[in-house]
């Protein structure tokens, strides 16, 4: 007589070994694992990255003060309130593409995509690390720049969403650009050009009205000027108009960067 209790496999043992796991719990577990991986693999470079963005943001605010000479309180406030945008751009649009390019060359992304975890969890981890990295840089840049010029900033209730959206947008655009461009050397070239454009032609620490009309119109749809406006409005009063347009432009660039990254990553095998 056959013992059916021992010969019939249980329902739990019928799951194929190759079955793909899904669900919110599995995604969250994968995200947490990838977050630990990102932090551990870059634990030596993250402090340097934080220092770089603080020096870039605060340093440029001080240097612009030398260029402009004796400034009125309004001009000083404009320079100080624009300094955080320089710190955010340093992290999101300069540092992130560099990290992605290095991982491409080293084959790290191929290893990450081969792991039994959703690719979206790995991307979300990268966004989290560098978005969070931008926030201390914004705060320290504001504190040092305002101390240098002897200003007292006016924080608004929008300071938290402004900081988060600006950091997320910059990280998203940098990551999406680096993933969409196959050659890391081309990405590096674009990043170097971007630094030049931000420092010389972008109305971050000077009013956009100073630019020719055609160049001002271009900056209205590019992400750098709206990023500066959103951050400026969160720490000052009376300097920014049409703030809703700036938020809409940043949101559109963020979603567009996500779409580009998702398309490229989804096609990789």
Protein backbone atom coordinates (compact mmCIF):
# COMPACT_ATOMS: atom_id res chain seq x y z
CA UNK A 1 0.00 0.00 0.00
CA UNK A 2 1.39 3.35 -1.06
CA UNK A 3 1.55 6.09 1.50
CA UNK A 4 0.02 9.04 -0.33
CA UNK A 5 1.10 11.40 2.40
CA UNK A 6 4.76 10.82 1.55
CA UNK A 7 4.54 10.16 -2.18
CA UNK A 8 2.48 13.24 -3.11
CA UNK A 9 4.59 16.40 -3.17
CA UNK A 10 3.28 19.29 -1.16
CA UNK A 11 1.91 22.33 -2.97
CA UNK A 12 4.80 24.48 -1.72
CA UNK A 13 7.39 22.14 -3.30
CA UNK A 14 5.81 22.45 -6.75
CA UNK A 15 7.25 25.95 -7.30
CA UNK A 16 9.81 25.81 -10.15
CA UNK A 17 13.31 26.83 -9.18
CA UNK A 18 13.38 29.35 -12.06
CA UNK A 19 10.18 31.12 -11.09
CA UNK A 20 10.54 34.90 -11.10
CA UNK A 21 9.68 36.46 -7.79
CA UNK A 22 7.40 39.47 -7.79
CA UNK A 23 5.50 41.68 -5.44
CA UNK A 24 5.99 44.82 -3.40
CA UNK A 25 7.76 42.97 -0.60
CA UNK A 26 10.32 41.44 -2.94
CA UNK A 27 10.90 44.79 -4.68
CA UNK A 28 11.43 46.52 -1.33
CA UNK A 29 13.86 43.81 -0.23
CA UNK A 30 15.79 44.16 -3.50
CA UNK A 31 15.83 47.94 -3.16
CA UNK A 32 17.24 47.70 0.37
CA UNK A 33 19.93 45.28 -0.79
CA UNK A 34 20.91 47.51 -3.71
CA UNK A 35 20.98 50.52 -1.41
CA UNK A 36 23.50 48.76 0.83
CA UNK A 37 25.49 47.81 -2.26
CA UNK A 38 25.59 51.40 -3.57
CA UNK A 39 26.63 52.87 -0.25
CA UNK A 40 29.25 50.17 0.43
CA UNK A 41 30.77 50.29 -3.06
CA UNK A 42 31.17 54.08 -2.91
CA UNK A 43 31.81 54.62 0.78
CA UNK A 44 35.22 56.14 0.02
CA UNK A 45 34.01 58.51 -2.69
CA UNK A 46 30.75 59.78 -1.19
CA UNK A 47 32.46 62.05 1.41
CA UNK A 48 34.66 63.50 -1.34
CA UNK A 49 31.59 64.05 -3.51
CA UNK A 50 29.89 65.90 -0.68
CA UNK A 51 32.97 68.07 -0.17
CA UNK A 52 33.19 68.78 -3.90
CA UNK A 53 29.63 70.06 -4.19
CA UNK A 54 30.00 72.24 -1.08
CA UNK A 55 33.21 73.77 -2.42
CA UNK A 56 31.66 74.26 -5.84
CA UNK A 57 28.48 75.88 -4.57
CA UNK A 58 30.00 78.04 -1.84
CA UNK A 59 33.16 78.77 -3.81
CA UNK A 60 31.29 80.03 -6.86
CA UNK A 61 29.05 82.22 -4.69
CA UNK A 62 32.15 83.85 -3.20
CA UNK A 63 33.92 84.14 -6.56
CA UNK A 64 30.89 85.84 -8.15
CA UNK A 65 31.05 88.32 -5.29
CA UNK A 66 34.60 89.20 -6.35
CA UNK A 67 33.46 89.59 -9.96
CA UNK A 68 30.58 91.90 -9.11
CA UNK A 69 32.40 93.93 -6.49
CA UNK A 70 30.37 95.99 -4.05
CA UNK A 71 26.80 94.66 -4.20
CA UNK A 72 23.46 95.82 -2.85
CA UNK A 73 21.66 93.58 -0.32
CA UNK A 74 19.28 92.47 -3.09
CA UNK A 75 22.15 91.45 -5.36
CA UNK A 76 23.85 89.57 -2.53
CA UNK A 77 20.61 87.72 -1.78
CA UNK A 78 20.31 86.75 -5.44
CA UNK A 79 23.83 85.31 -5.47
CA UNK A 80 23.40 83.44 -2.17
CA UNK A 81 19.99 82.01 -3.08
CA UNK A 82 21.38 80.74 -6.39
CA UNK A 83 24.41 79.03 -4.85
CA UNK A 84 22.53 75.82 -3.87
CA UNK A 85 21.66 75.22 -7.52
CA UNK A 86 25.38 75.02 -8.30
CA UNK A 87 25.81 72.40 -5.56
CA UNK A 88 22.88 70.33 -6.86
CA UNK A 89 24.06 70.49 -10.46
CA UNK A 90 27.52 69.34 -9.38
CA UNK A 91 26.10 66.17 -7.87
CA UNK A 92 23.32 65.31 -10.28
CA UNK A 93 24.60 66.40 -13.68
CA UNK A 94 28.35 66.01 -13.16
CA UNK A 95 29.06 63.38 -10.51
CA UNK A 96 26.26 60.92 -11.36
CA UNK A 97 27.13 60.65 -15.09
CA UNK A 98 30.75 60.09 -14.09
CA UNK A 99 29.82 57.26 -11.72
CA UNK A 100 27.55 55.64 -14.31
CA UNK A 101 30.31 55.90 -16.93
CA UNK A 102 32.86 54.28 -14.63
CA UNK A 103 30.45 51.44 -13.91
CA UNK A 104 29.92 50.93 -17.63
CA UNK A 105 33.65 50.66 -18.26
CA UNK A 106 34.17 48.32 -15.29
CA UNK A 107 31.21 46.13 -16.29
CA UNK A 108 29.45 46.81 -12.99
CA UNK A 109 26.11 47.44 -14.66
CA UNK A 110 26.29 44.11 -16.44
CA UNK A 111 26.77 42.48 -13.04
CA UNK A 112 23.90 44.48 -11.50
CA UNK A 113 21.50 43.63 -14.34
CA UNK A 114 22.36 39.95 -13.96
CA UNK A 115 21.24 39.88 -10.33
CA UNK A 116 17.86 38.28 -9.53
CA UNK A 117 16.31 41.60 -8.56
CA UNK A 118 14.21 44.16 -10.44
CA UNK A 119 16.27 46.63 -12.41
CA UNK A 120 13.99 49.38 -11.19
CA UNK A 121 15.15 48.67 -7.64
CA UNK A 122 18.79 49.22 -8.65
CA UNK A 123 17.90 52.48 -10.41
CA UNK A 124 15.83 53.68 -7.46
CA UNK A 125 18.76 52.95 -5.16
CA UNK A 126 21.08 55.13 -7.25
CA UNK A 127 18.50 57.93 -7.27
CA UNK A 128 18.14 57.69 -3.50
CA UNK A 129 21.85 57.82 -2.75
CA UNK A 130 22.62 60.84 -4.89
CA UNK A 131 19.42 62.70 -4.13
CA UNK A 132 20.19 62.33 -0.43
CA UNK A 133 23.81 63.32 -1.05
CA UNK A 134 22.70 66.62 -2.59
CA UNK A 135 20.67 67.72 0.43
CA UNK A 136 23.57 68.32 2.90
CA UNK A 137 25.42 70.17 0.14
CA UNK A 138 22.45 72.52 -0.34
CA UNK A 139 22.18 73.25 3.36
CA UNK A 140 25.90 73.79 3.98
CA UNK A 141 26.24 75.94 0.86
CA UNK A 142 23.37 78.16 2.01
CA UNK A 143 24.78 78.49 5.50
CA UNK A 144 28.31 79.35 4.37
CA UNK A 145 27.25 81.70 1.58
CA UNK A 146 24.78 83.58 3.77
CA UNK A 147 27.44 83.86 6.50
CA UNK A 148 29.95 85.22 3.98
CA UNK A 149 27.56 87.98 2.87
CA UNK A 150 25.96 88.56 6.25
CA UNK A 151 22.42 87.69 5.15
CA UNK A 152 19.47 86.18 6.97
CA UNK A 153 17.47 83.87 4.71
CA UNK A 154 13.69 83.61 4.74
CA UNK A 155 12.74 79.92 4.68
CA UNK A 156 9.30 79.15 3.23
CA UNK A 157 7.08 76.06 3.73
CA UNK A 158 8.16 74.91 0.25
CA UNK A 159 11.79 74.45 1.26
CA UNK A 160 11.55 70.66 1.70
CA UNK A 161 9.69 69.83 -1.55
CA UNK A 162 11.88 72.31 -3.42
CA UNK A 163 15.10 70.71 -2.18
CA UNK A 164 13.82 67.19 -2.89
CA UNK A 165 12.51 67.93 -6.38
CA UNK A 166 15.63 69.85 -7.40
CA UNK A 167 17.92 67.07 -6.17
CA UNK A 168 15.81 64.32 -7.75
CA UNK A 169 15.58 66.15 -11.08
CA UNK A 170 19.33 66.71 -11.32
CA UNK A 171 20.08 63.09 -10.38
CA UNK A 172 17.47 61.78 -12.82
CA UNK A 173 18.74 63.84 -15.75
CA UNK A 174 22.36 62.91 -15.05
CA UNK A 175 21.53 59.21 -14.73
CA UNK A 176 19.25 59.16 -17.78
CA UNK A 177 21.82 60.97 -19.94
CA UNK A 178 24.63 58.63 -18.90
CA UNK A 179 22.51 55.52 -19.58
CA UNK A 180 21.17 56.77 -22.92
CA UNK A 181 24.64 57.60 -24.30
CA UNK A 182 26.52 54.39 -25.00
CA UNK A 183 30.05 55.80 -24.99
CA UNK A 184 31.20 57.03 -21.54
CA UNK A 185 33.79 59.26 -23.22
CA UNK A 186 31.01 61.15 -25.01
CA UNK A 187 29.17 61.48 -21.72
CA UNK A 188 32.29 62.91 -20.10
CA UNK A 189 32.64 65.44 -22.93
CA UNK A 190 29.03 66.56 -22.53
CA UNK A 191 29.49 66.91 -18.77
CA UNK A 192 32.52 69.17 -19.25
CA UNK A 193 30.60 71.32 -21.72
CA UNK A 194 27.70 71.43 -19.28
CA UNK A 195 29.93 72.81 -16.52
CA UNK A 196 31.03 75.60 -18.84
CA UNK A 197 27.45 76.39 -19.86
CA UNK A 198 26.26 76.47 -16.24
CA UNK A 199 29.03 78.77 -15.07
CA UNK A 200 29.01 81.21 -18.00
CA UNK A 201 25.61 81.22 -19.69
CA UNK A 202 23.05 80.01 -17.12
CA UNK A 203 21.08 82.61 -15.11
CA UNK A 204 21.71 80.98 -11.75
CA UNK A 205 23.32 83.84 -9.84
CA UNK A 206 22.23 86.67 -12.14
CA UNK A 207 18.74 87.63 -13.41
CA UNK A 208 17.55 86.06 -16.63
CA UNK A 209 16.57 89.51 -17.89
CA UNK A 210 20.27 90.21 -18.43
CA UNK A 211 20.37 87.65 -21.26
CA UNK A 212 19.33 88.24 -24.88
CA UNK A 213 15.70 87.35 -25.49
CA UNK A 214 16.40 84.21 -27.53
CA UNK A 215 18.81 82.84 -24.93
CA UNK A 216 16.38 83.64 -22.11
CA UNK A 217 13.65 81.73 -23.97
CA UNK A 218 15.90 78.69 -24.26
CA UNK A 219 16.64 78.75 -20.53
CA UNK A 220 12.93 78.85 -19.75
CA UNK A 221 12.60 75.25 -20.98
CA UNK A 222 16.00 73.92 -19.93
CA UNK A 223 16.16 72.57 -16.37
CA UNK A 224 18.95 74.70 -14.88
CA UNK A 225 17.14 78.04 -14.59
CA UNK A 226 13.89 76.52 -13.18
CA UNK A 227 16.00 74.54 -10.70
CA UNK A 228 17.64 77.74 -9.47
CA UNK A 229 14.27 79.51 -9.29
CA UNK A 230 12.64 76.76 -7.22
CA UNK A 231 15.50 76.73 -4.74
CA UNK A 232 15.67 80.54 -4.67
CA UNK A 233 11.96 80.89 -3.90
CA UNK A 234 12.25 78.42 -1.01
CA UNK A 235 14.81 80.54 0.88
CA UNK A 236 13.85 84.09 -0.09
CA UNK A 237 10.82 86.28 -0.69
CA UNK A 238 9.92 88.48 -3.64
CA UNK A 239 12.64 87.33 -6.04
CA UNK A 240 10.72 84.74 -8.07
CA UNK A 241 7.62 84.98 -10.24
CA UNK A 242 5.65 82.25 -12.03
CA UNK A 243 6.97 79.62 -9.64
CA UNK A 244 4.42 77.06 -10.80
CA UNK A 245 5.98 77.07 -14.27
CA UNK A 246 9.40 76.27 -12.79
CA UNK A 247 7.97 73.34 -10.83
CA UNK A 248 6.24 72.06 -13.97
CA UNK A 249 9.44 72.24 -16.02
CA UNK A 250 11.42 70.38 -13.34
CA UNK A 251 8.73 67.70 -13.08
CA UNK A 252 8.68 67.28 -16.87
CA UNK A 253 12.45 66.87 -17.04
CA UNK A 254 12.37 64.36 -14.19
CA UNK A 255 9.69 62.23 -15.83
CA UNK A 256 11.44 62.49 -19.21
CA UNK A 257 14.73 61.33 -17.69
CA UNK A 258 12.97 58.39 -16.03
CA UNK A 259 11.40 57.44 -19.36
CA UNK A 260 14.72 57.58 -21.19
CA UNK A 261 16.49 55.53 -18.52
CA UNK A 262 13.67 52.96 -18.42
CA UNK A 263 13.72 52.57 -22.20
CA UNK A 264 17.48 52.05 -22.38
CA UNK A 265 17.67 49.74 -19.35
CA UNK A 266 14.68 47.72 -20.50
CA UNK A 267 16.33 47.01 -23.86
CA UNK A 268 19.57 45.77 -22.33
CA UNK A 269 20.01 42.00 -22.11
